[in-house]
Amino acid sequence: QAQLVESGGGLVQPGGSLRLSCVASGFTLGYYAVGWYRQAPGKEREGVSCMTSSDGTTYSVDSVKGRFTISRDNAKNTVYLQMNSLKPEDTAIYYCAAGGPHACRQGINYDYYDYWGQGTQVTVSS
């Protein structure tokens, strides 16, 4: 059974860092585009960053550029999101996802993600 499981969320002070991990089981993550989404209370789910399977091209939403970095380790079937200089407005549930090539082509394309994790809470507060 295909599954994605996130970890690494928690409570952090503004300006701090967290690294989220997402481990895939039941399928080979390296064949898929991967992405991170987040959803804050009362808001729609927002694409944060994605990475292609073919050449490692990445896309990120403007609000996290220069602060968040997506990466993947295909040998470990894992995708990461390194989050630095965290702000209170980054508070949300973070989800990882995997999909076909169109999921991360010229942007983060929600409709093309086939697999989703259950989410991990990130809270940025002093």
Foldseek 3Di string as FASTA:
>chain_A
DWAKAKDWADEAAQQAKIKMKIAIPPDQQLQWKKFKWWDDPPDDIGTAKIFGSPPGDMDGDPVQPPFWDWDDDRVRRMIMIIGGRDDQVVWTWMKMFIFHRVCQDPHHNVVGTDYIHPTDTHGYHD
